Amino acid sequence: MLAEMDGFAPSEGIIVLGATNQRDDLDKALLRPGRFDFQVHVSPPNYEVR
């Protein structure tokens, strides 16, 4: 996956989306600048809103 992502030109209009519940277990190379630049943390819902 890293090799594929490195081959994308910025003007190609390709969006790569990923999700995990184990962020600390990801290879640090995935998180370096130019790969997954935007990260969103979604907390689990509390008991009242489930």
C-alpha atoms as a PDB file:
ATOM      1  CA  MET A   1       0.000   0.000   0.000  1.00  0.00           C
ATOM      2  CA  LEU A   2       2.832   2.410   0.802  1.00  0.00           C
ATOM      3  CA  ALA A   3       4.371   1.906  -2.629  1.00  0.00           C
ATOM      4  CA  GLU A   4       1.027   2.563  -4.326  1.00  0.00           C
ATOM      5  CA  MET A   5       0.456   5.731  -2.311  1.00  0.00           C
ATOM      6  CA  ASP A   6       3.930   7.016  -3.162  1.00  0.00           C
ATOM      7  CA  GLY A   7       3.118   6.641  -6.863  1.00  0.00           C
ATOM      8  CA  PHE A   8       0.140   9.024  -6.823  1.00  0.00           C
ATOM      9  CA  ALA A   9       0.716  12.464  -8.271  1.00  0.00           C
ATOM     10  CA  PRO A  10      -1.012  15.272  -6.317  1.00  0.00           C
ATOM     11  CA  SER A  11      -3.035  16.233  -9.390  1.00  0.00           C
ATOM     12  CA  GLU A  12      -4.552  12.763  -9.923  1.00  0.00           C
ATOM     13  CA  GLY A  13      -7.537  13.458  -7.652  1.00  0.00           C
ATOM     14  CA  ILE A  14      -7.240  10.186  -5.751  1.00  0.00           C
ATOM     15  CA  ILE A  15      -8.484  10.057  -2.159  1.00  0.00           C
ATOM     16  CA  VAL A  16      -7.300   7.296   0.164  1.00  0.00           C
ATOM     17  CA  LEU A  17      -9.404   6.675   3.266  1.00  0.00           C
ATOM     18  CA  GLY A  18      -8.464   4.407   6.139  1.00  0.00           C
ATOM     19  CA  ALA A  19      -9.962   3.452   9.471  1.00  0.00           C
ATOM     20  CA  THR A  20      -8.590   1.679  12.521  1.00  0.00           C
ATOM     21  CA  ASN A  21      -9.269   1.276  16.190  1.00  0.00           C
ATOM     22  CA  GLN A  22      -5.589   0.497  16.830  1.00  0.00           C
ATOM     23  CA  ARG A  23      -3.787   3.650  15.632  1.00  0.00           C
ATOM     24  CA  ASP A  24      -0.751   2.924  17.807  1.00  0.00           C
ATOM     25  CA  ASP A  25      -0.202  -0.351  15.942  1.00  0.00           C
ATOM     26  CA  LEU A  26       0.079   1.316  12.510  1.00  0.00           C
ATOM     27  CA  ASP A  27       3.427   1.470  10.747  1.00  0.00           C
ATOM     28  CA  LYS A  28       4.786   4.982  11.373  1.00  0.00           C
ATOM     29  CA  ALA A  29       5.486   5.271   7.631  1.00  0.00           C
ATOM     30  CA  LEU A  30       1.718   5.417   7.030  1.00  0.00           C
ATOM     31  CA  LEU A  31       1.414   8.564   9.133  1.00  0.00           C
ATOM     32  CA  ARG A  32       4.263  10.586   7.688  1.00  0.00           C
ATOM     33  CA  PRO A  33       3.421  13.825   5.810  1.00  0.00           C
ATOM     34  CA  GLY A  34       1.858  13.323   2.395  1.00  0.00           C
ATOM     35  CA  ARG A  35       0.124  10.065   3.209  1.00  0.00           C
ATOM     36  CA  PHE A  36      -2.759  10.404   5.678  1.00  0.00           C
ATOM     37  CA  ASP A  37      -2.568  14.131   6.370  1.00  0.00           C
ATOM     38  CA  PHE A  38      -6.038  14.536   7.870  1.00  0.00           C
ATOM     39  CA  GLN A  39      -6.996  12.455  10.900  1.00  0.00           C
ATOM     40  CA  VAL A  40     -10.340  12.400  12.698  1.00  0.00           C
ATOM     41  CA  HIS A  41     -10.831  10.833  16.119  1.00  0.00           C
ATOM     42  CA  VAL A  42     -14.313   9.419  16.696  1.00  0.00           C
ATOM     43  CA  SER A  43     -15.016   8.496  20.306  1.00  0.00           C
ATOM     44  CA  PRO A  44     -17.398   5.663  21.108  1.00  0.00           C
ATOM     45  CA  PRO A  45     -20.901   6.819  22.048  1.00  0.00           C
ATOM     46  CA  ASN A  46     -21.815   7.007  25.698  1.00  0.00           C
ATOM     47  CA  TYR A  47     -24.562   4.844  27.164  1.00  0.00           C
ATOM     48  CA  GLU A  48     -27.291   7.494  26.776  1.00  0.00           C
ATOM     49  CA  VAL A  49     -26.902   7.930  23.010  1.00  0.00           C
ATOM     50  CA  ARG A  50     -26.509   4.266  22.030  1.00  0.00           C
END
